[in-house]
Amino acid sequence: MILLSDPRVIDTPVADCGEPLAEIATVPVITLDPREQDEAGAYGRVRASVLERLGSASERLPAGVRLLVIEGHRSLAEQARRFALYEDRLRLSGITDPAELLRQASAFVSPVEVAPHCAGAAVDLTLIDSDGVELDMGGAVNGHRTGDETWCPFDAPGLSPTARANRNLLAQCLSEQGFVNYPSEWWHWSYGDRYWALMTGAPAAVYGPI
């Protein structure tokens, strides 16, 4: 897979369209989860067109199923903090080579300069039923934080048929709206950022850091 640390990602140009951030909570067909809530409320915002596409994706889900967004926009400072924390964890495991640290850390936390969340282009999300209960996705959102990396990749081997079907349902509704998945994190999807541009062949990202 192409990691966010790949030079091709940073080499992808950005032609920011200037679109503002919009409040996820204003869209009735999407539920916003508070677990990643920050003081500024950034977690509950994405670019306006990203939100429109999320709404369309949620509307196309089967009756009784909807999107649960865990986190949208993230500040550059918060992104840098999370990246440093994960690098520290890898150092404690015995990894000291700077290039290898960057490669392994970027599997789960983007380098700041290309971070899709900082562009308002990415969402961490899952599926819930009509009672607000999360569907079985075979692993938790942000499972890497608890050392449960095995189930984090979208195509992780050994998933139950139910978890595989639910991941495929999530992928179908989001892919139809132009989102791309970061393969090491089944819950991370983006539209309009550098990684999206590289993976779709777009000439440039339409969203840069905001």
N, C-alpha and C. Protein backbone atom coordinates (compact mmCIF):
# COMPACT_ATOMS: atom_id res chain seq x y z
N MET A 1 0.83 -1.19 0.00
CA MET A 1 0.00 0.00 0.00
C MET A 1 0.87 1.25 0.00
N ILE A 2 0.32 2.32 -0.48
CA ILE A 2 1.01 3.61 -0.47
C ILE A 2 0.74 4.28 0.87
N LEU A 3 1.80 4.54 1.63
CA LEU A 3 1.66 5.19 2.92
C LEU A 3 1.65 6.70 2.76
N LEU A 4 1.16 7.40 3.76
CA LEU A 4 1.14 8.86 3.73
C LEU A 4 2.53 9.46 3.78
N SER A 5 3.52 8.68 4.18
CA SER A 5 4.90 9.15 4.19
C SER A 5 5.57 9.00 2.83
N ASP A 6 4.90 8.39 1.87
CA ASP A 6 5.46 8.18 0.54
C ASP A 6 5.75 9.54 -0.11
N PRO A 7 6.94 9.72 -0.68
CA PRO A 7 7.27 11.01 -1.32
C PRO A 7 6.26 11.44 -2.37
N ARG A 8 5.58 10.50 -2.99
CA ARG A 8 4.60 10.86 -4.01
C ARG A 8 3.42 11.63 -3.43
N VAL A 9 3.16 11.45 -2.14
CA VAL A 9 2.06 12.18 -1.50
C VAL A 9 2.43 13.64 -1.32
N ILE A 10 3.59 13.92 -0.72
CA ILE A 10 4.00 15.30 -0.51
C ILE A 10 4.28 16.01 -1.83
N ASP A 11 4.65 15.25 -2.86
CA ASP A 11 4.92 15.85 -4.17
C ASP A 11 3.64 16.18 -4.94
N THR A 12 2.49 15.72 -4.44
CA THR A 12 1.22 16.03 -5.10
C THR A 12 0.87 17.50 -4.84
N PRO A 13 0.63 18.27 -5.87
CA PRO A 13 0.33 19.70 -5.67
C PRO A 13 -1.02 19.93 -5.01
N VAL A 14 -1.15 21.11 -4.42
CA VAL A 14 -2.42 21.51 -3.79
C VAL A 14 -2.92 22.79 -4.45
N ALA A 15 -4.15 22.77 -4.88
CA ALA A 15 -4.80 23.97 -5.41
C ALA A 15 -6.07 24.18 -4.57
N ASP A 16 -5.88 24.73 -3.37
CA ASP A 16 -6.99 24.84 -2.42
C ASP A 16 -8.10 25.71 -2.99
N CYS A 17 -9.30 25.20 -2.97
CA CYS A 17 -10.45 25.90 -3.54
C CYS A 17 -11.04 26.94 -2.60
N GLY A 18 -10.54 26.99 -1.37
CA GLY A 18 -11.01 27.99 -0.42
C GLY A 18 -12.34 27.67 0.23
N GLU A 19 -12.81 26.46 0.08
CA GLU A 19 -14.09 26.07 0.65
C GLU A 19 -14.02 26.07 2.18
N PRO A 20 -15.05 26.58 2.85
CA PRO A 20 -15.01 26.64 4.31
C PRO A 20 -15.31 25.30 4.96
N LEU A 21 -15.04 25.24 6.25
CA LEU A 21 -15.45 24.09 7.05
C LEU A 21 -16.94 24.22 7.38
N ALA A 22 -17.58 23.08 7.53
CA ALA A 22 -19.02 23.05 7.84
C ALA A 22 -19.25 22.13 9.03
N GLU A 23 -20.32 22.36 9.75
CA GLU A 23 -20.63 21.60 10.96
C GLU A 23 -21.35 20.29 10.62
N ILE A 24 -20.72 19.18 11.00
CA ILE A 24 -21.29 17.86 10.73
C ILE A 24 -22.65 17.69 11.40
N ALA A 25 -22.80 18.27 12.59
CA ALA A 25 -24.02 18.10 13.37
C ALA A 25 -25.26 18.71 12.71
N THR A 26 -25.05 19.51 11.66
CA THR A 26 -26.20 20.14 10.99
C THR A 26 -26.87 19.20 10.00
N VAL A 27 -26.28 18.04 9.75
CA VAL A 27 -26.85 17.09 8.79
C VAL A 27 -27.57 15.98 9.55
N PRO A 28 -28.89 15.92 9.47
CA PRO A 28 -29.66 14.99 10.30
C PRO A 28 -29.36 13.51 10.06
N VAL A 29 -28.93 13.15 8.85
CA VAL A 29 -28.72 11.73 8.55
C VAL A 29 -27.37 11.21 9.03
N ILE A 30 -26.58 12.09 9.65
CA ILE A 30 -25.27 11.70 10.18
C ILE A 30 -25.27 11.93 11.69
N THR A 31 -24.71 10.98 12.43
CA THR A 31 -24.56 11.14 13.87
C THR A 31 -23.11 11.47 14.19
N LEU A 32 -22.91 12.47 15.04
CA LEU A 32 -21.57 12.88 15.46
C LEU A 32 -21.30 12.36 16.86
N ASP A 33 -20.23 11.57 17.00
CA ASP A 33 -19.87 10.97 18.28
C ASP A 33 -18.93 11.91 19.04
N PRO A 34 -19.08 12.05 20.36
CA PRO A 34 -18.27 13.02 21.10
C PRO A 34 -16.92 12.51 21.61
N ARG A 35 -16.56 11.28 21.32
CA ARG A 35 -15.38 10.72 21.99
C ARG A 35 -14.07 11.44 21.67
N GLU A 36 -13.99 12.11 20.51
CA GLU A 36 -12.77 12.84 20.15
C GLU A 36 -12.98 14.35 20.24
N GLN A 37 -14.00 14.76 20.96
CA GLN A 37 -14.33 16.19 21.05
C GLN A 37 -13.17 17.00 21.61
N ASP A 38 -12.88 18.13 20.97
CA ASP A 38 -11.83 19.05 21.41
C ASP A 38 -12.48 20.37 21.82
N GLU A 39 -11.72 21.21 22.49
CA GLU A 39 -12.28 22.46 23.01
C GLU A 39 -12.84 23.35 21.91
N ALA A 40 -12.16 23.39 20.78
CA ALA A 40 -12.57 24.27 19.69
C ALA A 40 -13.70 23.67 18.85
N GLY A 41 -14.00 22.40 19.06
CA GLY A 41 -15.04 21.75 18.27
C GLY A 41 -14.62 21.39 16.87
N ALA A 42 -13.32 21.40 16.61
CA ALA A 42 -12.82 21.09 15.26
C ALA A 42 -13.22 19.70 14.81
N TYR A 43 -13.26 18.76 15.74
CA TYR A 43 -13.55 17.37 15.40
C TYR A 43 -14.88 17.23 14.66
N GLY A 44 -15.79 18.18 14.88
CA GLY A 44 -17.13 18.12 14.29
C GLY A 44 -17.28 18.92 13.02
N ARG A 45 -16.17 19.21 12.34
CA ARG A 45 -16.23 19.98 11.10
C ARG A 45 -15.44 19.29 9.99
N VAL A 46 -15.90 19.46 8.77
CA VAL A 46 -15.18 19.05 7.56
C VAL A 46 -15.49 20.09 6.49
N ARG A 47 -14.79 20.03 5.38
CA ARG A 47 -15.10 20.94 4.28
C ARG A 47 -16.54 20.74 3.82
N ALA A 48 -17.13 21.81 3.32
CA ALA A 48 -18.56 21.80 2.98
C ALA A 48 -18.92 20.70 2.00
N SER A 49 -18.12 20.51 0.95
CA SER A 49 -18.44 19.48 -0.04
C SER A 49 -18.22 18.08 0.51
N VAL A 50 -17.25 17.94 1.42
CA VAL A 50 -17.04 16.66 2.08
C VAL A 50 -18.28 16.30 2.88
N LEU A 51 -18.84 17.27 3.59
CA LEU A 51 -20.04 17.03 4.37
C LEU A 51 -21.23 16.68 3.48
N GLU A 52 -21.34 17.37 2.38
CA GLU A 52 -22.44 17.06 1.44
C GLU A 52 -22.34 15.63 0.94
N ARG A 53 -21.14 15.20 0.63
CA ARG A 53 -20.93 13.83 0.15
C ARG A 53 -21.20 12.81 1.26
N LEU A 54 -20.84 13.14 2.48
CA LEU A 54 -21.13 12.25 3.60
C LEU A 54 -22.64 12.09 3.80
N GLY A 55 -23.36 13.20 3.68
CA GLY A 55 -24.80 13.13 3.80
C GLY A 55 -25.41 12.24 2.73
N SER A 56 -24.93 12.36 1.51
CA SER A 56 -25.43 11.53 0.42
C SER A 56 -25.10 10.06 0.66
N ALA A 57 -23.91 9.79 1.19
CA ALA A 57 -23.51 8.41 1.48
C ALA A 57 -24.43 7.81 2.54
N SER A 58 -24.71 8.57 3.60
CA SER A 58 -25.55 8.05 4.68
C SER A 58 -26.97 7.79 4.19
N GLU A 59 -27.47 8.64 3.31
CA GLU A 59 -28.82 8.47 2.77
C GLU A 59 -28.96 7.20 1.93
N ARG A 60 -27.86 6.72 1.40
CA ARG A 60 -27.89 5.54 0.52
C ARG A 60 -27.69 4.23 1.28
N LEU A 61 -27.53 4.31 2.58
CA LEU A 61 -27.39 3.11 3.39
C LEU A 61 -28.75 2.44 3.56
N PRO A 62 -28.77 1.14 3.86
CA PRO A 62 -30.05 0.45 4.10
C PRO A 62 -30.82 1.09 5.25
N ALA A 63 -32.12 0.92 5.25
CA ALA A 63 -32.95 1.45 6.32
C ALA A 63 -32.45 0.95 7.68
N GLY A 64 -32.36 1.85 8.63
CA GLY A 64 -31.93 1.47 9.97
C GLY A 64 -30.43 1.51 10.18
N VAL A 65 -29.67 1.92 9.15
CA VAL A 65 -28.21 2.03 9.27
C VAL A 65 -27.82 3.46 8.90
N ARG A 66 -26.86 4.02 9.63
CA ARG A 66 -26.40 5.37 9.32
C ARG A 66 -24.93 5.52 9.68
N LEU A 67 -24.35 6.63 9.25
CA LEU A 67 -22.94 6.91 9.54
C LEU A 67 -22.79 7.52 10.93
N LEU A 68 -21.77 7.08 11.63
CA LEU A 68 -21.36 7.68 12.90
C LEU A 68 -19.97 8.25 12.71
N VAL A 69 -19.85 9.57 12.71
CA VAL A 69 -18.55 10.22 12.53
C VAL A 69 -17.88 10.40 13.88
N ILE A 70 -16.65 9.94 13.97
CA ILE A 70 -15.87 10.03 15.20
C ILE A 70 -15.05 11.32 15.22
N GLU A 71 -14.46 11.66 14.07
CA GLU A 71 -13.62 12.85 14.02
C GLU A 71 -13.47 13.36 12.60
N GLY A 72 -13.53 14.68 12.47
CA GLY A 72 -13.32 15.32 11.18
C GLY A 72 -12.03 16.12 11.19
N HIS A 73 -12.15 17.44 11.24
CA HIS A 73 -10.97 18.31 11.20
C HIS A 73 -10.12 18.16 12.45
N ARG A 74 -8.81 18.36 12.25
CA ARG A 74 -7.85 18.27 13.35
C ARG A 74 -6.81 19.36 13.15
N SER A 75 -6.44 20.04 14.20
CA SER A 75 -5.46 21.12 14.09
C SER A 75 -4.07 20.57 13.78
N LEU A 76 -3.22 21.42 13.22
CA LEU A 76 -1.84 21.01 12.94
C LEU A 76 -1.11 20.65 14.23
N ALA A 77 -1.36 21.41 15.29
CA ALA A 77 -0.70 21.13 16.57
C ALA A 77 -1.11 19.77 17.12
N GLU A 78 -2.41 19.45 17.04
CA GLU A 78 -2.88 18.17 17.54
C GLU A 78 -2.33 17.02 16.69
N GLN A 79 -2.26 17.23 15.38
CA GLN A 79 -1.71 16.21 14.50
C GLN A 79 -0.25 15.94 14.86
N ALA A 80 0.51 16.99 15.07
CA ALA A 80 1.93 16.85 15.43
C ALA A 80 2.08 16.12 16.76
N ARG A 81 1.20 16.43 17.71
CA ARG A 81 1.25 15.77 19.02
C ARG A 81 1.01 14.27 18.89
N ARG A 82 -0.01 13.90 18.10
CA ARG A 82 -0.33 12.48 17.95
C ARG A 82 0.77 11.73 17.21
N PHE A 83 1.36 12.40 16.20
CA PHE A 83 2.44 11.73 15.46
C PHE A 83 3.63 11.49 16.38
N ALA A 84 3.99 12.49 17.18
CA ALA A 84 5.12 12.35 18.10
C ALA A 84 4.87 11.24 19.12
N LEU A 85 3.65 11.14 19.62
CA LEU A 85 3.31 10.10 20.59
C LEU A 85 3.48 8.71 19.99
N TYR A 86 3.03 8.56 18.74
CA TYR A 86 3.14 7.24 18.13
C TYR A 86 4.60 6.90 17.81
N GLU A 87 5.36 7.90 17.39
CA GLU A 87 6.80 7.66 17.18
C GLU A 87 7.46 7.24 18.49
N ASP A 88 7.10 7.88 19.60
CA ASP A 88 7.67 7.52 20.90
C ASP A 88 7.34 6.07 21.25
N ARG A 89 6.12 5.66 20.95
CA ARG A 89 5.72 4.28 21.21
C ARG A 89 6.56 3.31 20.39
N LEU A 90 6.82 3.66 19.14
CA LEU A 90 7.63 2.80 18.30
C LEU A 90 9.08 2.75 18.78
N ARG A 91 9.60 3.86 19.27
CA ARG A 91 10.96 3.88 19.81
C ARG A 91 11.07 2.93 21.00
N LEU A 92 10.04 2.95 21.84
CA LEU A 92 10.05 2.06 23.01
C LEU A 92 10.03 0.59 22.60
N SER A 93 9.53 0.31 21.40
CA SER A 93 9.51 -1.07 20.91
C SER A 93 10.84 -1.48 20.29
N GLY A 94 11.78 -0.52 20.20
CA GLY A 94 13.11 -0.84 19.70
C GLY A 94 13.45 -0.28 18.33
N ILE A 95 12.55 0.46 17.72
CA ILE A 95 12.80 1.03 16.40
C ILE A 95 13.49 2.39 16.57
N THR A 96 14.66 2.53 15.99
CA THR A 96 15.42 3.78 16.15
C THR A 96 15.76 4.45 14.82
N ASP A 97 15.74 3.72 13.73
CA ASP A 97 16.07 4.31 12.43
C ASP A 97 15.02 5.35 12.05
N PRO A 98 15.41 6.60 11.78
CA PRO A 98 14.44 7.67 11.49
C PRO A 98 13.52 7.35 10.31
N ALA A 99 14.06 6.76 9.25
CA ALA A 99 13.24 6.45 8.09
C ALA A 99 12.21 5.38 8.42
N GLU A 100 12.62 4.39 9.21
CA GLU A 100 11.69 3.33 9.58
C GLU A 100 10.64 3.84 10.57
N LEU A 101 11.05 4.74 11.46
CA LEU A 101 10.09 5.36 12.37
C LEU A 101 9.01 6.10 11.59
N LEU A 102 9.45 6.87 10.60
CA LEU A 102 8.50 7.63 9.78
C LEU A 102 7.56 6.69 9.04
N ARG A 103 8.11 5.63 8.47
CA ARG A 103 7.30 4.70 7.69
C ARG A 103 6.26 4.02 8.56
N GLN A 104 6.69 3.48 9.70
CA GLN A 104 5.76 2.74 10.54
C GLN A 104 4.74 3.65 11.22
N ALA A 105 5.18 4.84 11.63
CA ALA A 105 4.24 5.76 12.27
C ALA A 105 3.17 6.21 11.29
N SER A 106 3.54 6.42 10.04
CA SER A 106 2.58 6.93 9.06
C SER A 106 1.54 5.90 8.65
N ALA A 107 1.72 4.66 9.06
CA ALA A 107 0.68 3.66 8.80
C ALA A 107 -0.59 3.98 9.58
N PHE A 108 -0.44 4.68 10.72
CA PHE A 108 -1.59 4.98 11.58
C PHE A 108 -1.76 6.45 11.93
N VAL A 109 -0.71 7.25 11.77
CA VAL A 109 -0.81 8.69 12.06
C VAL A 109 -0.08 9.43 10.94
N SER A 110 -0.79 10.32 10.27
CA SER A 110 -0.19 11.00 9.12
C SER A 110 0.87 12.01 9.54
N PRO A 111 1.97 12.11 8.77
CA PRO A 111 2.88 13.24 8.95
C PRO A 111 2.09 14.54 8.77
N VAL A 112 2.43 15.54 9.55
CA VAL A 112 1.65 16.77 9.60
C VAL A 112 1.49 17.41 8.22
N GLU A 113 2.55 17.44 7.46
CA GLU A 113 2.53 18.21 6.21
C GLU A 113 1.56 17.67 5.17
N VAL A 114 1.11 16.43 5.31
CA VAL A 114 0.17 15.88 4.32
C VAL A 114 -1.12 15.38 4.98
N ALA A 115 -1.33 15.69 6.25
CA ALA A 115 -2.43 15.10 7.01
C ALA A 115 -3.80 15.48 6.44
N PRO A 116 -4.58 14.49 6.00
CA PRO A 116 -5.92 14.77 5.46
C PRO A 116 -6.86 15.42 6.46
N HIS A 117 -6.76 15.04 7.74
CA HIS A 117 -7.64 15.64 8.75
C HIS A 117 -7.38 17.14 8.88
N CYS A 118 -6.13 17.55 8.77
CA CYS A 118 -5.79 18.96 8.92
C CYS A 118 -6.30 19.80 7.75
N ALA A 119 -6.64 19.15 6.66
CA ALA A 119 -7.21 19.84 5.50
C ALA A 119 -8.73 19.87 5.55
N GLY A 120 -9.32 19.27 6.57
CA GLY A 120 -10.77 19.18 6.64
C GLY A 120 -11.33 18.23 5.61
N ALA A 121 -10.48 17.33 5.11
CA ALA A 121 -10.84 16.43 4.01
C ALA A 121 -11.13 15.02 4.45
N ALA A 122 -10.84 14.69 5.71
CA ALA A 122 -10.93 13.30 6.16
C ALA A 122 -11.90 13.14 7.32
N VAL A 123 -12.46 11.95 7.41
CA VAL A 123 -13.30 11.58 8.54
C VAL A 123 -12.94 10.19 9.02
N ASP A 124 -12.97 10.02 10.33
CA ASP A 124 -12.92 8.70 10.94
C ASP A 124 -14.36 8.36 11.29
N LEU A 125 -14.85 7.24 10.82
CA LEU A 125 -16.27 6.95 10.99
C LEU A 125 -16.56 5.46 10.96
N THR A 126 -17.78 5.12 11.37
CA THR A 126 -18.23 3.75 11.36
C THR A 126 -19.74 3.73 11.10
N LEU A 127 -20.36 2.59 11.28
CA LEU A 127 -21.79 2.44 11.05
C LEU A 127 -22.51 2.14 12.36
N ILE A 128 -23.74 2.66 12.48
CA ILE A 128 -24.57 2.36 13.64
C ILE A 128 -25.96 1.94 13.18
N ASP A 129 -26.68 1.26 14.09
CA ASP A 129 -28.05 0.88 13.77
C ASP A 129 -29.02 1.95 14.26
N SER A 130 -30.29 1.69 14.15
CA SER A 130 -31.30 2.69 14.49
C SER A 130 -31.32 3.02 15.97
N ASP A 131 -30.73 2.17 16.80
CA ASP A 131 -30.63 2.43 18.24
C ASP A 131 -29.32 3.12 18.62
N GLY A 132 -28.50 3.43 17.62
CA GLY A 132 -27.22 4.07 17.89
C GLY A 132 -26.12 3.12 18.28
N VAL A 133 -26.35 1.83 18.13
CA VAL A 133 -25.34 0.82 18.47
C VAL A 133 -24.42 0.59 17.28
N GLU A 134 -23.12 0.61 17.53
CA GLU A 134 -22.16 0.41 16.45
C GLU A 134 -22.25 -1.01 15.90
N LEU A 135 -22.20 -1.12 14.58
CA LEU A 135 -22.21 -2.43 13.95
C LEU A 135 -20.86 -3.12 14.13
N ASP A 136 -20.86 -4.41 14.00
CA ASP A 136 -19.63 -5.20 14.11
C ASP A 136 -18.77 -4.94 12.88
N MET A 137 -17.64 -4.25 13.10
CA MET A 137 -16.71 -3.96 12.01
C MET A 137 -15.43 -4.79 12.12
N GLY A 138 -15.38 -5.69 13.09
CA GLY A 138 -14.22 -6.56 13.23
C GLY A 138 -13.08 -5.94 14.00
N GLY A 139 -13.24 -4.74 14.48
CA GLY A 139 -12.20 -4.06 15.22
C GLY A 139 -12.64 -2.63 15.50
N ALA A 140 -12.07 -2.04 16.54
CA ALA A 140 -12.50 -0.71 16.96
C ALA A 140 -11.89 0.38 16.09
N VAL A 141 -12.61 1.49 16.00
CA VAL A 141 -12.02 2.70 15.42
C VAL A 141 -10.82 3.09 16.27
N ASN A 142 -9.72 3.44 15.61
CA ASN A 142 -8.47 3.80 16.30
C ASN A 142 -7.93 2.65 17.14
N GLY A 143 -8.11 1.43 16.64
CA GLY A 143 -7.62 0.26 17.36
C GLY A 143 -6.12 0.25 17.58
N HIS A 144 -5.38 1.01 16.76
CA HIS A 144 -3.92 1.05 16.92
C HIS A 144 -3.51 1.66 18.26
N ARG A 145 -4.38 2.46 18.85
CA ARG A 145 -4.03 3.09 20.12
C ARG A 145 -3.96 2.09 21.26
N THR A 146 -4.66 0.99 21.12
CA THR A 146 -4.68 -0.02 22.18
C THR A 146 -3.87 -1.26 21.79
N GLY A 147 -3.05 -1.14 20.75
CA GLY A 147 -2.22 -2.25 20.33
C GLY A 147 -2.94 -3.31 19.54
N ASP A 148 -4.13 -2.97 19.01
CA ASP A 148 -4.95 -3.94 18.28
C ASP A 148 -4.82 -3.73 16.77
N GLU A 149 -3.56 -3.58 16.31
CA GLU A 149 -3.32 -3.27 14.90
C GLU A 149 -3.77 -4.36 13.94
N THR A 150 -3.91 -5.60 14.43
CA THR A 150 -4.25 -6.72 13.55
C THR A 150 -5.52 -6.48 12.75
N TRP A 151 -6.53 -5.87 13.39
CA TRP A 151 -7.82 -5.71 12.76
C TRP A 151 -8.01 -4.34 12.12
N CYS A 152 -6.98 -3.50 12.18
CA CYS A 152 -7.10 -2.14 11.63
C CYS A 152 -7.15 -2.08 10.10
N PRO A 153 -6.34 -2.84 9.37
CA PRO A 153 -6.39 -2.74 7.90
C PRO A 153 -7.78 -3.10 7.37
N PHE A 154 -8.20 -2.39 6.35
CA PHE A 154 -9.52 -2.65 5.79
C PHE A 154 -9.66 -4.11 5.37
N ASP A 155 -8.63 -4.65 4.75
CA ASP A 155 -8.66 -6.03 4.27
C ASP A 155 -7.99 -7.00 5.23
N ALA A 156 -8.08 -6.74 6.52
CA ALA A 156 -7.46 -7.62 7.52
C ALA A 156 -7.96 -9.05 7.35
N PRO A 157 -7.04 -10.02 7.33
CA PRO A 157 -7.47 -11.42 7.21
C PRO A 157 -8.13 -11.90 8.49
N GLY A 158 -9.04 -12.87 8.36
CA GLY A 158 -9.65 -13.48 9.53
C GLY A 158 -10.90 -12.79 10.04
N LEU A 159 -11.40 -11.77 9.32
CA LEU A 159 -12.62 -11.11 9.76
C LEU A 159 -13.81 -12.06 9.65
N SER A 160 -14.78 -11.90 10.51
CA SER A 160 -16.00 -12.69 10.42
C SER A 160 -16.78 -12.24 9.20
N PRO A 161 -17.66 -13.10 8.68
CA PRO A 161 -18.49 -12.70 7.54
C PRO A 161 -19.30 -11.44 7.82
N THR A 162 -19.78 -11.28 9.04
CA THR A 162 -20.56 -10.09 9.38
C THR A 162 -19.71 -8.83 9.33
N ALA A 163 -18.53 -8.89 9.93
CA ALA A 163 -17.64 -7.73 9.92
C ALA A 163 -17.21 -7.38 8.50
N ARG A 164 -16.91 -8.39 7.70
CA ARG A 164 -16.51 -8.16 6.31
C ARG A 164 -17.65 -7.51 5.53
N ALA A 165 -18.87 -7.98 5.74
CA ALA A 165 -20.02 -7.40 5.04
C ALA A 165 -20.24 -5.95 5.46
N ASN A 166 -20.07 -5.67 6.75
CA ASN A 166 -20.26 -4.30 7.22
C ASN A 166 -19.18 -3.36 6.70
N ARG A 167 -17.95 -3.83 6.63
CA ARG A 167 -16.89 -3.00 6.06
C ARG A 167 -17.16 -2.74 4.58
N ASN A 168 -17.62 -3.75 3.89
CA ASN A 168 -17.92 -3.58 2.46
C ASN A 168 -19.08 -2.61 2.26
N LEU A 169 -20.05 -2.64 3.16
CA LEU A 169 -21.17 -1.70 3.08
C LEU A 169 -20.68 -0.27 3.27
N LEU A 170 -19.81 -0.07 4.25
CA LEU A 170 -19.22 1.25 4.48
C LEU A 170 -18.45 1.72 3.25
N ALA A 171 -17.65 0.82 2.71
CA ALA A 171 -16.85 1.16 1.53
C ALA A 171 -17.71 1.50 0.33
N GLN A 172 -18.77 0.76 0.14
CA GLN A 172 -19.63 1.00 -1.01
C GLN A 172 -20.26 2.39 -0.96
N CYS A 173 -20.84 2.74 0.18
CA CYS A 173 -21.54 4.02 0.25
C CYS A 173 -20.58 5.20 0.14
N LEU A 174 -19.36 5.06 0.67
CA LEU A 174 -18.39 6.15 0.62
C LEU A 174 -17.69 6.24 -0.73
N SER A 175 -17.34 5.08 -1.29
CA SER A 175 -16.67 5.08 -2.60
C SER A 175 -17.57 5.67 -3.67
N GLU A 176 -18.86 5.42 -3.58
CA GLU A 176 -19.80 5.96 -4.56
C GLU A 176 -19.84 7.49 -4.51
N GLN A 177 -19.42 8.06 -3.40
CA GLN A 177 -19.39 9.52 -3.27
C GLN A 177 -17.99 10.09 -3.46
N GLY A 178 -17.07 9.26 -3.94
CA GLY A 178 -15.74 9.74 -4.30
C GLY A 178 -14.69 9.66 -3.23
N PHE A 179 -15.02 9.12 -2.06
CA PHE A 179 -14.03 9.01 -0.99
C PHE A 179 -13.04 7.87 -1.26
N VAL A 180 -11.85 8.01 -0.71
CA VAL A 180 -10.86 6.93 -0.75
C VAL A 180 -10.50 6.54 0.68
N ASN A 181 -10.20 5.28 0.85
CA ASN A 181 -9.83 4.74 2.15
C ASN A 181 -8.32 4.70 2.30
N TYR A 182 -7.85 4.93 3.53
CA TYR A 182 -6.45 4.69 3.84
C TYR A 182 -6.38 3.23 4.30
N PRO A 183 -5.79 2.33 3.51
CA PRO A 183 -5.97 0.89 3.70
C PRO A 183 -5.56 0.32 5.06
N SER A 184 -4.68 1.01 5.79
CA SER A 184 -4.28 0.48 7.10
C SER A 184 -5.28 0.83 8.19
N GLU A 185 -6.28 1.67 7.85
CA GLU A 185 -7.30 2.07 8.82
C GLU A 185 -8.68 1.97 8.16
N TRP A 186 -9.44 0.96 8.51
CA TRP A 186 -10.72 0.75 7.83
C TRP A 186 -11.68 1.93 8.03
N TRP A 187 -11.49 2.69 9.10
CA TRP A 187 -12.40 3.77 9.48
C TRP A 187 -12.04 5.12 8.84
N HIS A 188 -10.88 5.24 8.20
CA HIS A 188 -10.40 6.54 7.70
C HIS A 188 -10.68 6.70 6.21
N TRP A 189 -11.46 7.72 5.86
CA TRP A 189 -11.83 8.00 4.48
C TRP A 189 -11.65 9.48 4.20
N SER A 190 -11.25 9.81 2.99
CA SER A 190 -11.02 11.22 2.68
C SER A 190 -11.41 11.56 1.25
N TYR A 191 -11.60 12.85 1.06
CA TYR A 191 -11.93 13.37 -0.27
C TYR A 191 -11.26 14.74 -0.42
N GLY A 192 -10.51 14.91 -1.50
CA GLY A 192 -9.97 16.22 -1.84
C GLY A 192 -8.58 16.54 -1.34
N ASP A 193 -7.97 15.67 -0.54
CA ASP A 193 -6.64 15.92 -0.01
C ASP A 193 -5.57 15.36 -0.93
N ARG A 194 -4.32 15.49 -0.54
CA ARG A 194 -3.21 15.00 -1.36
C ARG A 194 -3.29 13.50 -1.60
N TYR A 195 -3.57 12.73 -0.55
CA TYR A 195 -3.63 11.28 -0.72
C TYR A 195 -4.74 10.90 -1.68
N TRP A 196 -5.88 11.53 -1.55
CA TRP A 196 -7.01 11.31 -2.46
C TRP A 196 -6.60 11.62 -3.89
N ALA A 197 -5.91 12.74 -4.09
CA ALA A 197 -5.49 13.13 -5.45
C ALA A 197 -4.56 12.09 -6.05
N LEU A 198 -3.60 11.63 -5.26
CA LEU A 198 -2.66 10.62 -5.75
C LEU A 198 -3.38 9.33 -6.12
N MET A 199 -4.30 8.90 -5.28
CA MET A 199 -4.97 7.62 -5.50
C MET A 199 -5.99 7.68 -6.63
N THR A 200 -6.54 8.84 -6.90
CA THR A 200 -7.56 8.95 -7.95
C THR A 200 -7.01 9.48 -9.26
N GLY A 201 -5.77 9.94 -9.25
CA GLY A 201 -5.19 10.50 -10.47
C GLY A 201 -5.59 11.94 -10.72
N ALA A 202 -6.16 12.61 -9.74
CA ALA A 202 -6.51 14.03 -9.89
C ALA A 202 -5.24 14.85 -10.04
N PRO A 203 -5.27 15.94 -10.81
CA PRO A 203 -4.06 16.73 -11.03
C PRO A 203 -3.53 17.41 -9.78
N ALA A 204 -4.42 17.67 -8.80
CA ALA A 204 -4.01 18.34 -7.57
C ALA A 204 -5.04 18.10 -6.49
N ALA A 205 -4.61 18.24 -5.25
CA ALA A 205 -5.56 18.23 -4.14
C ALA A 205 -6.36 19.53 -4.18
N VAL A 206 -7.61 19.47 -3.79
CA VAL A 206 -8.43 20.68 -3.77
C VAL A 206 -8.51 21.27 -2.37
N TYR A 207 -7.96 20.54 -1.37
CA TYR A 207 -7.94 21.03 0.00
C TYR A 207 -6.54 20.91 0.58
N GLY A 208 -6.03 22.00 1.16
CA GLY A 208 -4.79 21.98 1.90
C GLY A 208 -5.07 22.25 3.37
N PRO A 209 -4.05 22.35 4.19
CA PRO A 209 -4.26 22.59 5.62
C PRO A 209 -5.10 23.84 5.87
N ILE A 210 -5.98 23.75 6.84
CA ILE A 210 -6.85 24.88 7.15
C ILE A 210 -7.00 25.02 8.67
